[in-house]
């Protein structure tokens, strides 16, 4: 079984950037970067974290993104 940390920012092979946040109760929320702003996205996107070609962004890369 593959373990994936709950929160993070990722880039898919096609270039989509998304972030996953896990609250204290374990609930996930997802945002997608569109036109330099974060837009709420469907939770099913979290599965892309383990897709071939998806990479987790480093803290330095995340700092360069809009808040």
PDB file of N, CA and C in Angstrom:
ATOM      1  N   UNK A   1       0.845  -1.195   0.000  1.00  0.00           N
ATOM      2  CA  UNK A   1       0.000   0.000   0.000  1.00  0.00           C
ATOM      3  C   UNK A   1       0.882   1.247   0.000  1.00  0.00           C
ATOM      4  N   UNK A   2       0.513   2.237  -0.780  1.00  0.00           N
ATOM      5  CA  UNK A   2       1.268   3.469  -0.902  1.00  0.00           C
ATOM      6  C   UNK A   2       0.713   4.492   0.076  1.00  0.00           C
ATOM      7  N   UNK A   3       1.578   5.031   0.922  1.00  0.00           N
ATOM      8  CA  UNK A   3       1.151   6.057   1.879  1.00  0.00           C
ATOM      9  C   UNK A   3       1.453   7.432   1.298  1.00  0.00           C
ATOM     10  N   UNK A   4       0.504   8.347   1.388  1.00  0.00           N
ATOM     11  CA  UNK A   4       0.665   9.709   0.888  1.00  0.00           C
ATOM     12  C   UNK A   4       0.272  10.654   2.002  1.00  0.00           C
ATOM     13  N   UNK A   5       1.145  11.601   2.281  1.00  0.00           N
ATOM     14  CA  UNK A   5       0.854  12.592   3.317  1.00  0.00           C
ATOM     15  C   UNK A   5      -0.383  13.399   2.942  1.00  0.00           C
ATOM     16  N   UNK A   6      -1.148  13.827   3.937  1.00  0.00           N
ATOM     17  CA  UNK A   6      -2.428  14.488   3.703  1.00  0.00           C
ATOM     18  C   UNK A   6      -2.378  15.831   3.012  1.00  0.00           C
ATOM     19  N   UNK A   7      -1.408  16.677   3.327  1.00  0.00           N
ATOM     20  CA  UNK A   7      -1.379  18.023   2.775  1.00  0.00           C
ATOM     21  C   UNK A   7      -0.163  18.213   1.873  1.00  0.00           C
ATOM     22  N   UNK A   8      -0.311  19.066   0.861  1.00  0.00           N
ATOM     23  CA  UNK A   8       0.799  19.364  -0.024  1.00  0.00           C
ATOM     24  C   UNK A   8       0.323  20.034  -1.296  1.00  0.00           C
ATOM     25  N   UNK A   9       1.298  20.458  -2.102  1.00  0.00           N
ATOM     26  CA  UNK A   9       1.013  21.086  -3.385  1.00  0.00           C
ATOM     27  C   UNK A   9       1.692  20.243  -4.454  1.00  0.00           C
ATOM     28  N   UNK A  10       0.973  19.988  -5.540  1.00  0.00           N
ATOM     29  CA  UNK A  10       1.416  19.047  -6.563  1.00  0.00           C
ATOM     30  C   UNK A  10       1.252  19.646  -7.953  1.00  0.00           C
ATOM     31  N   UNK A  11       2.060  19.140  -8.912  1.00  0.00           N
ATOM     32  CA  UNK A  11       1.923  19.513 -10.316  1.00  0.00           C
ATOM     33  C   UNK A  11       1.795  18.231 -11.131  1.00  0.00           C
ATOM     34  N   UNK A  12       0.756  18.157 -11.936  1.00  0.00           N
ATOM     35  CA  UNK A  12       0.550  16.977 -12.783  1.00  0.00           C
ATOM     36  C   UNK A  12       1.427  17.078 -14.021  1.00  0.00           C
ATOM     37  N   UNK A  13       1.512  15.979 -14.727  1.00  0.00           N
ATOM     38  CA  UNK A  13       2.295  15.932 -15.958  1.00  0.00           C
ATOM     39  C   UNK A  13       1.782  16.946 -16.980  1.00  0.00           C
ATOM     40  N   UNK A  14       0.479  17.213 -16.964  1.00  0.00           N
ATOM     41  CA  UNK A  14      -0.103  18.184 -17.905  1.00  0.00           C
ATOM     42  C   UNK A  14       0.066  19.629 -17.440  1.00  0.00           C
ATOM     43  N   UNK A  15       0.620  19.835 -16.225  1.00  0.00           N
ATOM     44  CA  UNK A  15       0.883  21.183 -15.734  1.00  0.00           C
ATOM     45  C   UNK A  15      -0.122  21.731 -14.739  1.00  0.00           C
ATOM     46  N   UNK A  16      -1.177  20.991 -14.442  1.00  0.00           N
ATOM     47  CA  UNK A  16      -2.149  21.462 -13.461  1.00  0.00           C
ATOM     48  C   UNK A  16      -1.504  21.470 -12.075  1.00  0.00           C
ATOM     49  N   UNK A  17      -1.661  22.566 -11.360  1.00  0.00           N
ATOM     50  CA  UNK A  17      -1.150  22.673  -9.994  1.00  0.00           C
ATOM     51  C   UNK A  17      -2.340  22.637  -9.054  1.00  0.00           C
ATOM     52  N   UNK A  18      -2.253  21.755  -8.071  1.00  0.00           N
ATOM     53  CA  UNK A  18      -3.329  21.655  -7.089  1.00  0.00           C
ATOM     54  C   UNK A  18      -2.749  21.467  -5.699  1.00  0.00           C
ATOM     55  N   UNK A  19      -3.530  21.887  -4.710  1.00  0.00           N
ATOM     56  CA  UNK A  19      -3.104  21.720  -3.324  1.00  0.00           C
ATOM     57  C   UNK A  19      -4.161  20.936  -2.565  1.00  0.00           C
ATOM     58  N   UNK A  20      -3.673  20.151  -1.644  1.00  0.00           N
ATOM     59  CA  UNK A  20      -4.530  19.336  -0.802  1.00  0.00           C
ATOM     60  C   UNK A  20      -4.266  19.741   0.640  1.00  0.00           C
ATOM     61  N   UNK A  21      -5.316  20.020   1.377  1.00  0.00           N
ATOM     62  CA  UNK A  21      -5.199  20.368   2.792  1.00  0.00           C
ATOM     63  C   UNK A  21      -6.022  19.393   3.607  1.00  0.00           C
ATOM     64  N   UNK A  22      -5.454  18.950   4.707  1.00  0.00           N
ATOM     65  CA  UNK A  22      -6.154  18.049   5.617  1.00  0.00           C
ATOM     66  C   UNK A  22      -6.332  18.756   6.943  1.00  0.00           C
ATOM     67  N   UNK A  23      -7.582  18.839   7.422  1.00  0.00           N
ATOM     68  CA  UNK A  23      -7.808  19.505   8.697  1.00  0.00           C
ATOM     69  C   UNK A  23      -7.549  18.542   9.860  1.00  0.00           C
ATOM     70  N   UNK A  24      -7.686  19.021  11.055  1.00  0.00           N
ATOM     71  CA  UNK A  24      -7.382  18.245  12.251  1.00  0.00           C
ATOM     72  C   UNK A  24      -8.243  16.987  12.378  1.00  0.00           C
ATOM     73  N   UNK A  25      -9.436  17.011  11.772  1.00  0.00           N
ATOM     74  CA  UNK A  25     -10.329  15.851  11.817  1.00  0.00           C
ATOM     75  C   UNK A  25     -10.098  14.879  10.654  1.00  0.00           C
ATOM     76  N   UNK A  26      -9.139  15.208   9.777  1.00  0.00           N
ATOM     77  CA  UNK A  26      -8.834  14.336   8.656  1.00  0.00           C
ATOM     78  C   UNK A  26      -9.621  14.615   7.391  1.00  0.00           C
ATOM     79  N   UNK A  27     -10.416  15.673   7.375  1.00  0.00           N
ATOM     80  CA  UNK A  27     -11.183  16.029   6.176  1.00  0.00           C
ATOM     81  C   UNK A  27     -10.278  16.721   5.164  1.00  0.00           C
ATOM     82  N   UNK A  28     -10.410  16.356   3.913  1.00  0.00           N
ATOM     83  CA  UNK A  28      -9.583  16.916   2.857  1.00  0.00           C
ATOM     84  C   UNK A  28     -10.317  18.008   2.094  1.00  0.00           C
ATOM     85  N   UNK A  29      -9.558  19.026   1.691  1.00  0.00           N
ATOM     86  CA  UNK A  29     -10.073  20.028   0.762  1.00  0.00           C
ATOM     87  C   UNK A  29      -9.028  20.190  -0.337  1.00  0.00           C
ATOM     88  N   UNK A  30      -9.503  20.552  -1.522  1.00  0.00           N
ATOM     89  CA  UNK A  30      -8.627  20.625  -2.685  1.00  0.00           C
ATOM     90  C   UNK A  30      -8.835  21.961  -3.378  1.00  0.00           C
ATOM     91  N   UNK A  31      -7.741  22.561  -3.807  1.00  0.00           N
ATOM     92  CA  UNK A  31      -7.790  23.774  -4.609  1.00  0.00           C
ATOM     93  C   UNK A  31      -6.935  23.606  -5.841  1.00  0.00           C
ATOM     94  N   UNK A  32      -7.356  24.210  -6.939  1.00  0.00           N
ATOM     95  CA  UNK A  32      -6.612  24.168  -8.192  1.00  0.00           C
ATOM     96  C   UNK A  32      -6.220  25.598  -8.540  1.00  0.00           C
ATOM     97  N   UNK A  33      -4.989  25.774  -8.978  1.00  0.00           N
ATOM     98  CA  UNK A  33      -4.517  27.099  -9.375  1.00  0.00           C
ATOM     99  C   UNK A  33      -5.001  27.395 -10.793  1.00  0.00           C
ATOM    100  N   UNK A  34      -5.843  28.439 -10.894  1.00  0.00           N
ATOM    101  CA  UNK A  34      -6.391  28.860 -12.192  1.00  0.00           C
ATOM    102  C   UNK A  34      -6.289  30.365 -12.291  1.00  0.00           C
ATOM    103  N   UNK A  35      -5.656  30.848 -13.343  1.00  0.00           N
ATOM    104  CA  UNK A  35      -5.534  32.294 -13.565  1.00  0.00           C
ATOM    105  C   UNK A  35      -4.974  33.005 -12.341  1.00  0.00           C
ATOM    106  N   UNK A  36      -3.911  32.455 -11.773  1.00  0.00           N
ATOM    107  CA  UNK A  36      -3.193  33.048 -10.634  1.00  0.00           C
ATOM    108  C   UNK A  36      -4.025  33.135  -9.353  1.00  0.00           C
ATOM    109  N   UNK A  37      -5.058  32.300  -9.235  1.00  0.00           N
ATOM    110  CA  UNK A  37      -5.817  32.250  -7.977  1.00  0.00           C
ATOM    111  C   UNK A  37      -6.251  30.817  -7.708  1.00  0.00           C
ATOM    112  N   UNK A  38      -6.425  30.522  -6.431  1.00  0.00           N
ATOM    113  CA  UNK A  38      -6.839  29.182  -6.022  1.00  0.00           C
ATOM    114  C   UNK A  38      -8.348  29.067  -6.077  1.00  0.00           C
ATOM    115  N   UNK A  39      -8.816  28.026  -6.750  1.00  0.00           N
ATOM    116  CA  UNK A  39     -10.243  27.776  -6.921  1.00  0.00           C
ATOM    117  C   UNK A  39     -10.552  26.424  -6.283  1.00  0.00           C
ATOM    118  N   UNK A  40     -11.641  26.365  -5.519  1.00  0.00           N
ATOM    119  CA  UNK A  40     -12.045  25.108  -4.897  1.00  0.00           C
ATOM    120  C   UNK A  40     -12.291  24.053  -5.963  1.00  0.00           C
ATOM    121  N   UNK A  41     -11.838  22.842  -5.680  1.00  0.00           N
ATOM    122  CA  UNK A  41     -11.960  21.753  -6.655  1.00  0.00           C
ATOM    123  C   UNK A  41     -12.576  20.526  -5.991  1.00  0.00           C
ATOM    124  N   UNK A  42     -12.964  19.573  -6.825  1.00  0.00           N
ATOM    125  CA  UNK A  42     -13.578  18.360  -6.285  1.00  0.00           C
ATOM    126  C   UNK A  42     -12.520  17.514  -5.577  1.00  0.00           C
ATOM    127  N   UNK A  43     -12.928  16.859  -4.532  1.00  0.00           N
ATOM    128  CA  UNK A  43     -12.022  16.069  -3.689  1.00  0.00           C
ATOM    129  C   UNK A  43     -11.405  14.914  -4.470  1.00  0.00           C
ATOM    130  N   UNK A  44     -12.071  14.432  -5.506  1.00  0.00           N
ATOM    131  CA  UNK A  44     -11.543  13.324  -6.287  1.00  0.00           C
ATOM    132  C   UNK A  44     -10.186  13.598  -6.910  1.00  0.00           C
ATOM    133  N   UNK A  45      -9.804  14.870  -7.005  1.00  0.00           N
ATOM    134  CA  UNK A  45      -8.504  15.226  -7.569  1.00  0.00           C
ATOM    135  C   UNK A  45      -7.362  14.709  -6.701  1.00  0.00           C
ATOM    136  N   UNK A  46      -7.606  14.444  -5.435  1.00  0.00           N
ATOM    137  CA  UNK A  46      -6.519  13.967  -4.558  1.00  0.00           C
ATOM    138  C   UNK A  46      -5.880  12.694  -5.105  1.00  0.00           C
ATOM    139  N   UNK A  47      -6.612  11.910  -5.863  1.00  0.00           N
ATOM    140  CA  UNK A  47      -6.055  10.694  -6.437  1.00  0.00           C
ATOM    141  C   UNK A  47      -4.910  10.956  -7.403  1.00  0.00           C
ATOM    142  N   UNK A  48      -4.853  12.159  -7.954  1.00  0.00           N
ATOM    143  CA  UNK A  48      -3.773  12.501  -8.872  1.00  0.00           C
ATOM    144  C   UNK A  48      -2.416  12.578  -8.180  1.00  0.00           C
ATOM    145  N   UNK A  49      -2.413  12.644  -6.839  1.00  0.00           N
ATOM    146  CA  UNK A  49      -1.137  12.701  -6.112  1.00  0.00           C
ATOM    147  C   UNK A  49      -0.261  11.499  -6.415  1.00  0.00           C
ATOM    148  N   UNK A  50      -0.859  10.357  -6.683  1.00  0.00           N
ATOM    149  CA  UNK A  50      -0.088   9.128  -6.905  1.00  0.00           C
ATOM    150  C   UNK A  50       0.005   8.755  -8.387  1.00  0.00           C
ATOM    151  N   UNK A  51      -0.497   9.627  -9.254  1.00  0.00           N
ATOM    152  CA  UNK A  51      -0.450   9.342 -10.692  1.00  0.00           C
ATOM    153  C   UNK A  51       0.981   9.483 -11.208  1.00  0.00           C
ATOM    154  N   UNK A  52       1.361   8.615 -12.154  1.00  0.00           N
ATOM    155  CA  UNK A  52       2.680   8.777 -12.770  1.00  0.00           C
ATOM    156  C   UNK A  52       2.778  10.169 -13.402  1.00  0.00           C
ATOM    157  N   UNK A  53       3.887  10.835 -13.199  1.00  0.00           N
ATOM    158  CA  UNK A  53       4.068  12.162 -13.772  1.00  0.00           C
ATOM    159  C   UNK A  53       3.669  13.293 -12.845  1.00  0.00           C
ATOM    160  N   UNK A  54       2.960  13.005 -11.743  1.00  0.00           N
ATOM    161  CA  UNK A  54       2.622  14.039 -10.769  1.00  0.00           C
ATOM    162  C   UNK A  54       3.761  14.137  -9.765  1.00  0.00           C
ATOM    163  N   UNK A  55       4.190  15.369  -9.499  1.00  0.00           N
ATOM    164  CA  UNK A  55       5.271  15.583  -8.536  1.00  0.00           C
ATOM    165  C   UNK A  55       4.795  16.511  -7.428  1.00  0.00           C
ATOM    166  N   UNK A  56       5.335  16.273  -6.255  1.00  0.00           N
ATOM    167  CA  UNK A  56       5.055  17.165  -5.129  1.00  0.00           C
ATOM    168  C   UNK A  56       6.032  18.322  -5.210  1.00  0.00           C
ATOM    169  N   UNK A  57       5.522  19.547  -5.100  1.00  0.00           N
ATOM    170  CA  UNK A  57       6.374  20.721  -5.178  1.00  0.00           C
ATOM    171  C   UNK A  57       7.168  20.891  -3.883  1.00  0.00           C
ATOM    172  N   UNK A  58       8.362  21.417  -4.023  1.00  0.00           N
ATOM    173  CA  UNK A  58       9.207  21.676  -2.861  1.00  0.00           C
ATOM    174  C   UNK A  58       8.703  22.933  -2.144  1.00  0.00           C
ATOM    175  N   UNK A  59       9.078  23.106  -0.885  1.00  0.00           N
ATOM    176  CA  UNK A  59       8.673  24.342  -0.186  1.00  0.00           C
ATOM    177  C   UNK A  59       9.099  25.609  -0.934  1.00  0.00           C
ATOM    178  N   UNK A  60      10.270  25.592  -1.545  1.00  0.00           N
ATOM    179  CA  UNK A  60      10.736  26.763  -2.301  1.00  0.00           C
ATOM    180  C   UNK A  60       9.830  27.026  -3.501  1.00  0.00           C
ATOM    181  N   UNK A  61       9.421  25.980  -4.204  1.00  0.00           N
ATOM    182  CA  UNK A  61       8.513  26.138  -5.345  1.00  0.00           C
ATOM    183  C   UNK A  61       7.154  26.666  -4.892  1.00  0.00           C
ATOM    184  N   UNK A  62       6.674  26.188  -3.761  1.00  0.00           N
ATOM    185  CA  UNK A  62       5.371  26.612  -3.231  1.00  0.00           C
ATOM    186  C   UNK A  62       5.401  28.093  -2.883  1.00  0.00           C
ATOM    187  N   UNK A  63       6.524  28.585  -2.370  1.00  0.00           N
ATOM    188  CA  UNK A  63       6.632  30.008  -2.020  1.00  0.00           C
ATOM    189  C   UNK A  63       6.440  30.919  -3.229  1.00  0.00           C
ATOM    190  N   UNK A  64       6.742  30.421  -4.422  1.00  0.00           N
ATOM    191  CA  UNK A  64       6.582  31.215  -5.634  1.00  0.00           C
ATOM    192  C   UNK A  64       5.166  31.257  -6.176  1.00  0.00           C
ATOM    193  N   UNK A  65       4.254  30.536  -5.546  1.00  0.00           N
ATOM    194  CA  UNK A  65       2.863  30.489  -6.012  1.00  0.00           C
ATOM    195  C   UNK A  65       2.010  31.527  -5.299  1.00  0.00           C
ATOM    196  N   UNK A  66       0.911  31.941  -5.914  1.00  0.00           N
ATOM    197  CA  UNK A  66      -0.016  32.855  -5.229  1.00  0.00           C
ATOM    198  C   UNK A  66      -0.556  32.208  -3.950  1.00  0.00           C
ATOM    199  N   UNK A  67      -0.908  33.024  -2.988  1.00  0.00           N
ATOM    200  CA  UNK A  67      -1.430  32.518  -1.717  1.00  0.00           C
ATOM    201  C   UNK A  67      -2.913  32.337  -1.777  1.00  0.00           C
TER     202      UNK A  67
END
